[in-house]
Amino acid sequence: MDRAARLEQWYRRVYLEGDLDAVGTLFTPDLQEQGLLPGLAVTPGDLSVFAQAMMHLVDEPSFRLAKVIESGDWLSALIELEARRPSDGQPIRLIGQVMLRFEGDKVAEAYNSLDFLGLFLQLGLLPKDALELGMTGQRLV
């Protein structure tokens, strides 16, 4: 299985099917991760908790790898995520990116970026003008 198919299978198993035992199947034991939770290095065990939290925030999640670039041991993917807001069924759409370095068929390094601000705005968890307020330096609390 090629790397993009392996990544897609992992997302499907973990985020769509809720197979949390699959979380560690993609990564080397000494995974180096940055970006998912700023300031924290996330381990495969942490990813399981993160996946559970994400699955409880939305209904009917789906995703697709919109763009994939591979070069040597590296894979970069633009990921489009769609779901429904549990409170009223309104659609949610997010864009995320990953850069992954593989050792064989396992990810040894992962650099993640997800539009959490956009997610929380679409879920109604932040004021609609949170971005604008933040850009002016105002606190939200």
N, C-alpha and C. Protein backbone atom coordinates (compact mmCIF):
# COMPACT_ATOMS: atom_id res chain seq x y z
N MET A 1 0.86 -1.18 0.00
CA MET A 1 0.00 0.00 0.00
C MET A 1 0.90 1.24 0.00
N ASP A 2 0.58 2.20 -0.88
CA ASP A 2 1.42 3.39 -0.91
C ASP A 2 1.13 4.27 0.31
N ARG A 3 1.97 5.27 0.50
CA ARG A 3 1.89 6.08 1.72
C ARG A 3 0.59 6.88 1.80
N ALA A 4 0.17 7.45 0.70
CA ALA A 4 -1.09 8.22 0.72
C ALA A 4 -2.26 7.32 1.07
N ALA A 5 -2.30 6.13 0.50
CA ALA A 5 -3.38 5.18 0.81
C ALA A 5 -3.32 4.76 2.27
N ARG A 6 -2.11 4.59 2.78
CA ARG A 6 -1.95 4.22 4.19
C ARG A 6 -2.47 5.33 5.10
N LEU A 7 -2.14 6.58 4.78
CA LEU A 7 -2.63 7.72 5.56
C LEU A 7 -4.15 7.81 5.49
N GLU A 8 -4.69 7.66 4.29
CA GLU A 8 -6.14 7.72 4.13
C GLU A 8 -6.84 6.61 4.90
N GLN A 9 -6.27 5.41 4.86
CA GLN A 9 -6.84 4.28 5.61
C GLN A 9 -6.81 4.58 7.11
N TRP A 10 -5.72 5.17 7.59
CA TRP A 10 -5.58 5.49 9.01
C TRP A 10 -6.65 6.51 9.44
N TYR A 11 -6.80 7.60 8.65
CA TYR A 11 -7.83 8.58 8.98
C TYR A 11 -9.21 7.93 9.01
N ARG A 12 -9.50 7.09 8.03
CA ARG A 12 -10.80 6.42 7.99
C ARG A 12 -11.03 5.56 9.22
N ARG A 13 -10.03 4.73 9.54
CA ARG A 13 -10.18 3.83 10.69
C ARG A 13 -10.34 4.60 12.00
N VAL A 14 -9.50 5.60 12.20
CA VAL A 14 -9.50 6.31 13.48
C VAL A 14 -10.66 7.29 13.59
N TYR A 15 -10.82 8.18 12.62
CA TYR A 15 -11.78 9.28 12.75
C TYR A 15 -13.19 8.95 12.25
N LEU A 16 -13.31 8.03 11.30
CA LEU A 16 -14.65 7.71 10.80
C LEU A 16 -15.22 6.46 11.46
N GLU A 17 -14.36 5.46 11.68
CA GLU A 17 -14.83 4.21 12.27
C GLU A 17 -14.63 4.16 13.78
N GLY A 18 -13.87 5.11 14.33
CA GLY A 18 -13.65 5.15 15.78
C GLY A 18 -12.77 4.03 16.30
N ASP A 19 -11.91 3.48 15.45
CA ASP A 19 -11.01 2.39 15.84
C ASP A 19 -9.77 2.98 16.50
N LEU A 20 -9.86 3.24 17.79
CA LEU A 20 -8.75 3.88 18.50
C LEU A 20 -7.55 2.97 18.65
N ASP A 21 -7.74 1.67 18.52
CA ASP A 21 -6.59 0.75 18.53
C ASP A 21 -5.71 0.96 17.30
N ALA A 22 -6.25 1.57 16.26
CA ALA A 22 -5.49 1.81 15.04
C ALA A 22 -4.58 3.02 15.14
N VAL A 23 -4.75 3.85 16.17
CA VAL A 23 -3.99 5.09 16.26
C VAL A 23 -2.49 4.83 16.17
N GLY A 24 -1.97 3.90 16.94
CA GLY A 24 -0.54 3.66 16.97
C GLY A 24 0.01 2.90 15.78
N THR A 25 -0.85 2.40 14.89
CA THR A 25 -0.38 1.57 13.79
C THR A 25 0.38 2.34 12.72
N LEU A 26 0.24 3.64 12.67
CA LEU A 26 0.88 4.43 11.63
C LEU A 26 2.25 4.97 12.04
N PHE A 27 2.56 4.94 13.33
CA PHE A 27 3.72 5.68 13.82
C PHE A 27 4.81 4.78 14.39
N THR A 28 6.06 5.27 14.29
CA THR A 28 7.16 4.61 14.97
C THR A 28 7.01 4.89 16.47
N PRO A 29 7.61 4.06 17.32
CA PRO A 29 7.49 4.28 18.77
C PRO A 29 8.05 5.62 19.23
N ASP A 30 9.04 6.14 18.51
CA ASP A 30 9.66 7.41 18.91
C ASP A 30 9.23 8.57 18.00
N LEU A 31 7.97 8.57 17.62
CA LEU A 31 7.40 9.61 16.77
C LEU A 31 7.78 11.00 17.28
N GLN A 32 8.20 11.86 16.36
CA GLN A 32 8.44 13.27 16.65
C GLN A 32 7.31 14.05 15.98
N GLU A 33 6.47 14.71 16.79
CA GLU A 33 5.31 15.42 16.25
C GLU A 33 5.35 16.86 16.71
N GLN A 34 4.92 17.76 15.81
CA GLN A 34 4.79 19.17 16.16
C GLN A 34 3.55 19.73 15.48
N GLY A 35 2.92 20.69 16.13
CA GLY A 35 1.87 21.46 15.50
C GLY A 35 0.46 21.13 15.91
N LEU A 36 0.18 19.90 16.28
CA LEU A 36 -1.20 19.55 16.60
C LEU A 36 -1.69 20.32 17.82
N LEU A 37 -0.91 20.27 18.88
CA LEU A 37 -1.20 21.05 20.08
C LEU A 37 0.02 21.93 20.33
N PRO A 38 -0.04 23.20 19.95
CA PRO A 38 1.13 24.07 20.02
C PRO A 38 1.82 24.02 21.38
N GLY A 39 3.14 23.87 21.32
CA GLY A 39 3.94 23.83 22.53
C GLY A 39 4.07 22.46 23.15
N LEU A 40 3.34 21.48 22.62
CA LEU A 40 3.40 20.12 23.16
C LEU A 40 3.80 19.14 22.08
N ALA A 41 4.65 18.20 22.43
CA ALA A 41 4.96 17.09 21.54
C ALA A 41 3.94 15.99 21.81
N VAL A 42 3.22 15.59 20.80
CA VAL A 42 2.14 14.63 20.95
C VAL A 42 2.64 13.22 20.65
N THR A 43 2.32 12.30 21.54
CA THR A 43 2.68 10.89 21.36
C THR A 43 1.50 10.15 20.73
N PRO A 44 1.72 8.94 20.22
CA PRO A 44 0.58 8.16 19.70
C PRO A 44 -0.53 7.99 20.74
N GLY A 45 -0.19 7.84 22.01
CA GLY A 45 -1.21 7.74 23.05
C GLY A 45 -2.03 9.01 23.17
N ASP A 46 -1.36 10.16 23.05
CA ASP A 46 -2.07 11.44 23.08
C ASP A 46 -3.02 11.58 21.89
N LEU A 47 -2.59 11.03 20.75
CA LEU A 47 -3.43 11.12 19.55
C LEU A 47 -4.75 10.39 19.74
N SER A 48 -4.74 9.33 20.51
CA SER A 48 -5.97 8.59 20.79
C SER A 48 -6.96 9.48 21.54
N VAL A 49 -6.47 10.19 22.55
CA VAL A 49 -7.32 11.11 23.32
C VAL A 49 -7.81 12.24 22.42
N PHE A 50 -6.92 12.78 21.60
CA PHE A 50 -7.27 13.85 20.67
C PHE A 50 -8.36 13.38 19.70
N ALA A 51 -8.19 12.18 19.15
CA ALA A 51 -9.17 11.64 18.20
C ALA A 51 -10.54 11.49 18.85
N GLN A 52 -10.56 11.00 20.09
CA GLN A 52 -11.84 10.86 20.79
C GLN A 52 -12.52 12.21 20.97
N ALA A 53 -11.75 13.21 21.35
CA ALA A 53 -12.32 14.55 21.54
C ALA A 53 -12.88 15.09 20.23
N MET A 54 -12.12 14.94 19.14
CA MET A 54 -12.58 15.43 17.85
C MET A 54 -13.86 14.72 17.41
N MET A 55 -13.93 13.42 17.62
CA MET A 55 -15.11 12.65 17.20
C MET A 55 -16.35 13.07 17.98
N HIS A 56 -16.18 13.55 19.19
CA HIS A 56 -17.33 13.98 19.99
C HIS A 56 -17.77 15.41 19.68
N LEU A 57 -16.94 16.16 18.98
CA LEU A 57 -17.29 17.55 18.65
C LEU A 57 -18.22 17.66 17.45
N VAL A 58 -18.18 16.67 16.55
CA VAL A 58 -18.91 16.79 15.29
C VAL A 58 -19.71 15.53 14.99
N ASP A 59 -20.66 15.67 14.08
CA ASP A 59 -21.43 14.53 13.57
C ASP A 59 -21.08 14.33 12.09
N GLU A 60 -21.25 13.12 11.63
CA GLU A 60 -21.09 12.76 10.22
C GLU A 60 -19.77 13.25 9.62
N PRO A 61 -18.64 12.98 10.26
CA PRO A 61 -17.38 13.45 9.70
C PRO A 61 -17.03 12.72 8.40
N SER A 62 -16.37 13.43 7.52
CA SER A 62 -15.80 12.83 6.31
C SER A 62 -14.54 13.63 5.98
N PHE A 63 -13.70 13.06 5.15
CA PHE A 63 -12.48 13.74 4.77
C PHE A 63 -12.04 13.25 3.40
N ARG A 64 -11.15 14.03 2.82
CA ARG A 64 -10.47 13.56 1.60
C ARG A 64 -9.09 14.19 1.55
N LEU A 65 -8.18 13.46 0.98
CA LEU A 65 -6.85 14.00 0.74
C LEU A 65 -6.94 14.76 -0.58
N ALA A 66 -7.05 16.07 -0.51
CA ALA A 66 -7.28 16.90 -1.69
C ALA A 66 -6.04 17.02 -2.56
N LYS A 67 -4.90 17.11 -1.94
CA LYS A 67 -3.61 17.22 -2.65
C LYS A 67 -2.59 16.40 -1.88
N VAL A 68 -1.77 15.67 -2.59
CA VAL A 68 -0.72 14.87 -1.97
C VAL A 68 0.55 15.05 -2.78
N ILE A 69 1.65 15.32 -2.10
CA ILE A 69 2.96 15.42 -2.73
C ILE A 69 3.89 14.49 -1.99
N GLU A 70 4.61 13.67 -2.73
CA GLU A 70 5.60 12.77 -2.13
C GLU A 70 6.97 13.08 -2.71
N SER A 71 7.96 13.05 -1.83
CA SER A 71 9.35 13.25 -2.24
C SER A 71 10.24 12.47 -1.30
N GLY A 72 10.88 11.43 -1.79
CA GLY A 72 11.73 10.60 -0.94
C GLY A 72 10.92 9.99 0.18
N ASP A 73 11.37 10.21 1.42
CA ASP A 73 10.68 9.67 2.60
C ASP A 73 9.53 10.55 3.08
N TRP A 74 9.27 11.65 2.38
CA TRP A 74 8.28 12.63 2.85
C TRP A 74 6.98 12.54 2.07
N LEU A 75 5.90 12.79 2.79
CA LEU A 75 4.57 12.93 2.19
C LEU A 75 3.94 14.18 2.78
N SER A 76 3.39 15.00 1.92
CA SER A 76 2.66 16.19 2.36
C SER A 76 1.25 16.09 1.82
N ALA A 77 0.26 16.38 2.65
CA ALA A 77 -1.13 16.27 2.21
C ALA A 77 -1.95 17.46 2.69
N LEU A 78 -2.80 17.94 1.79
CA LEU A 78 -3.83 18.92 2.12
C LEU A 78 -5.10 18.12 2.34
N ILE A 79 -5.69 18.26 3.51
CA ILE A 79 -6.83 17.43 3.89
C ILE A 79 -8.05 18.32 4.04
N GLU A 80 -9.12 17.94 3.36
CA GLU A 80 -10.40 18.64 3.49
C GLU A 80 -11.29 17.81 4.40
N LEU A 81 -11.78 18.45 5.45
CA LEU A 81 -12.63 17.78 6.43
C LEU A 81 -14.02 18.39 6.39
N GLU A 82 -15.02 17.54 6.38
CA GLU A 82 -16.40 18.01 6.43
C GLU A 82 -17.14 17.25 7.51
N ALA A 83 -18.09 17.92 8.14
CA ALA A 83 -18.88 17.30 9.21
C ALA A 83 -20.15 18.12 9.39
N ARG A 84 -20.91 17.77 10.40
CA ARG A 84 -22.12 18.51 10.75
C ARG A 84 -22.02 18.95 12.20
N ARG A 85 -22.52 20.13 12.46
CA ARG A 85 -22.57 20.65 13.83
C ARG A 85 -23.67 19.89 14.57
N PRO A 86 -23.33 19.27 15.71
CA PRO A 86 -24.32 18.46 16.43
C PRO A 86 -25.57 19.24 16.87
N SER A 87 -25.41 20.51 17.19
CA SER A 87 -26.53 21.27 17.74
C SER A 87 -27.65 21.51 16.73
N ASP A 88 -27.30 21.66 15.45
CA ASP A 88 -28.33 21.99 14.46
C ASP A 88 -28.10 21.38 13.08
N GLY A 89 -27.07 20.57 12.92
CA GLY A 89 -26.82 19.91 11.64
C GLY A 89 -26.19 20.78 10.58
N GLN A 90 -25.81 22.01 10.93
CA GLN A 90 -25.17 22.88 9.96
C GLN A 90 -23.83 22.29 9.52
N PRO A 91 -23.47 22.48 8.23
CA PRO A 91 -22.21 21.92 7.75
C PRO A 91 -20.99 22.65 8.32
N ILE A 92 -19.95 21.88 8.51
CA ILE A 92 -18.65 22.39 8.97
C ILE A 92 -17.64 21.95 7.92
N ARG A 93 -16.75 22.86 7.55
CA ARG A 93 -15.70 22.52 6.58
C ARG A 93 -14.38 23.08 7.09
N LEU A 94 -13.37 22.24 7.09
CA LEU A 94 -12.04 22.64 7.55
C LEU A 94 -10.98 22.19 6.57
N ILE A 95 -9.87 22.86 6.62
CA ILE A 95 -8.70 22.46 5.86
C ILE A 95 -7.58 22.19 6.85
N GLY A 96 -6.85 21.14 6.62
CA GLY A 96 -5.68 20.81 7.42
C GLY A 96 -4.53 20.40 6.52
N GLN A 97 -3.34 20.42 7.06
CA GLN A 97 -2.16 19.98 6.31
C GLN A 97 -1.29 19.14 7.20
N VAL A 98 -0.66 18.15 6.60
CA VAL A 98 0.33 17.35 7.31
C VAL A 98 1.57 17.21 6.44
N MET A 99 2.71 17.17 7.08
CA MET A 99 3.97 16.78 6.45
C MET A 99 4.50 15.62 7.27
N LEU A 100 4.74 14.50 6.62
CA LEU A 100 5.13 13.28 7.32
C LEU A 100 6.41 12.72 6.74
N ARG A 101 7.32 12.32 7.62
CA ARG A 101 8.52 11.60 7.17
C ARG A 101 8.36 10.14 7.58
N PHE A 102 8.48 9.29 6.61
CA PHE A 102 8.31 7.86 6.84
C PHE A 102 9.65 7.16 7.04
N GLU A 103 9.63 6.17 7.90
CA GLU A 103 10.69 5.18 8.00
C GLU A 103 10.02 3.86 7.66
N GLY A 104 10.25 3.37 6.45
CA GLY A 104 9.53 2.20 5.98
C GLY A 104 8.06 2.57 5.79
N ASP A 105 7.16 1.82 6.44
CA ASP A 105 5.73 2.12 6.31
C ASP A 105 5.17 2.84 7.53
N LYS A 106 6.05 3.38 8.39
CA LYS A 106 5.61 4.08 9.61
C LYS A 106 6.08 5.53 9.57
N VAL A 107 5.29 6.39 10.19
CA VAL A 107 5.63 7.82 10.28
C VAL A 107 6.55 8.03 11.47
N ALA A 108 7.71 8.65 11.20
CA ALA A 108 8.68 8.95 12.25
C ALA A 108 8.62 10.42 12.67
N GLU A 109 8.23 11.30 11.74
CA GLU A 109 8.07 12.73 12.02
C GLU A 109 6.75 13.19 11.44
N ALA A 110 6.03 14.01 12.20
CA ALA A 110 4.75 14.54 11.73
C ALA A 110 4.64 16.01 12.09
N TYR A 111 4.31 16.82 11.10
CA TYR A 111 4.08 18.24 11.30
C TYR A 111 2.65 18.51 10.86
N ASN A 112 1.82 18.92 11.79
CA ASN A 112 0.38 19.06 11.57
C ASN A 112 -0.07 20.50 11.67
N SER A 113 -1.04 20.85 10.87
CA SER A 113 -1.67 22.16 10.96
C SER A 113 -3.16 21.99 10.67
N LEU A 114 -3.99 22.42 11.60
CA LEU A 114 -5.43 22.35 11.44
C LEU A 114 -6.03 23.68 11.88
N ASP A 115 -7.01 24.14 11.17
CA ASP A 115 -7.66 25.41 11.46
C ASP A 115 -8.60 25.27 12.66
N PHE A 116 -8.02 25.22 13.85
CA PHE A 116 -8.83 25.08 15.06
C PHE A 116 -9.73 26.29 15.28
N LEU A 117 -9.23 27.49 14.97
CA LEU A 117 -10.06 28.68 15.12
C LEU A 117 -11.31 28.55 14.25
N GLY A 118 -11.12 28.14 13.00
CA GLY A 118 -12.26 27.93 12.11
C GLY A 118 -13.22 26.88 12.63
N LEU A 119 -12.67 25.80 13.17
CA LEU A 119 -13.50 24.74 13.74
C LEU A 119 -14.36 25.27 14.88
N PHE A 120 -13.72 25.94 15.83
CA PHE A 120 -14.45 26.43 17.00
C PHE A 120 -15.45 27.52 16.64
N LEU A 121 -15.13 28.34 15.63
CA LEU A 121 -16.10 29.33 15.16
C LEU A 121 -17.31 28.64 14.55
N GLN A 122 -17.07 27.64 13.70
CA GLN A 122 -18.18 26.95 13.04
C GLN A 122 -19.02 26.14 14.03
N LEU A 123 -18.41 25.69 15.11
CA LEU A 123 -19.16 24.97 16.14
C LEU A 123 -19.94 25.92 17.05
N GLY A 124 -19.68 27.22 16.92
CA GLY A 124 -20.36 28.20 17.76
C GLY A 124 -19.76 28.30 19.15
N LEU A 125 -18.52 27.85 19.30
CA LEU A 125 -17.86 27.87 20.60
C LEU A 125 -17.09 29.16 20.86
N LEU A 126 -16.94 29.99 19.84
CA LEU A 126 -16.27 31.28 19.96
C LEU A 126 -17.17 32.35 19.35
N PRO A 127 -17.00 33.60 19.77
CA PRO A 127 -17.77 34.68 19.14
C PRO A 127 -17.48 34.74 17.64
N LYS A 128 -18.47 35.12 16.85
CA LYS A 128 -18.31 35.17 15.39
C LYS A 128 -17.17 36.09 14.95
N ASP A 129 -16.89 37.11 15.75
CA ASP A 129 -15.83 38.05 15.40
C ASP A 129 -14.53 37.78 16.17
N ALA A 130 -14.32 36.55 16.60
CA ALA A 130 -13.13 36.21 17.40
C ALA A 130 -11.83 36.52 16.65
N LEU A 131 -11.78 36.22 15.37
CA LEU A 131 -10.56 36.50 14.60
C LEU A 131 -10.31 38.00 14.55
N GLU A 132 -11.33 38.75 14.24
CA GLU A 132 -11.18 40.20 14.15
C GLU A 132 -10.76 40.79 15.49
N LEU A 133 -11.39 40.33 16.57
CA LEU A 133 -11.01 40.81 17.90
C LEU A 133 -9.56 40.47 18.22
N GLY A 134 -9.16 39.26 17.91
CA GLY A 134 -7.79 38.85 18.15
C GLY A 134 -6.79 39.68 17.36
N MET A 135 -7.14 40.03 16.13
CA MET A 135 -6.24 40.83 15.29
C MET A 135 -6.07 42.24 15.84
N THR A 136 -7.01 42.71 16.64
CA THR A 136 -6.87 44.04 17.24
C THR A 136 -6.16 43.98 18.59
N GLY A 137 -5.88 42.77 19.05
CA GLY A 137 -5.21 42.62 20.33
C GLY A 137 -6.15 42.50 21.51
N GLN A 138 -7.45 42.49 21.26
CA GLN A 138 -8.42 42.38 22.35
C GLN A 138 -8.51 40.94 22.85
N ARG A 139 -8.74 40.81 24.13
CA ARG A 139 -8.94 39.49 24.73
C ARG A 139 -10.40 39.06 24.55
N LEU A 140 -10.59 37.77 24.42
CA LEU A 140 -11.94 37.24 24.26
C LEU A 140 -12.61 36.97 25.60
N VAL A 141 -11.83 37.00 26.68
CA VAL A 141 -12.39 36.73 28.01
C VAL A 141 -12.23 37.93 28.89
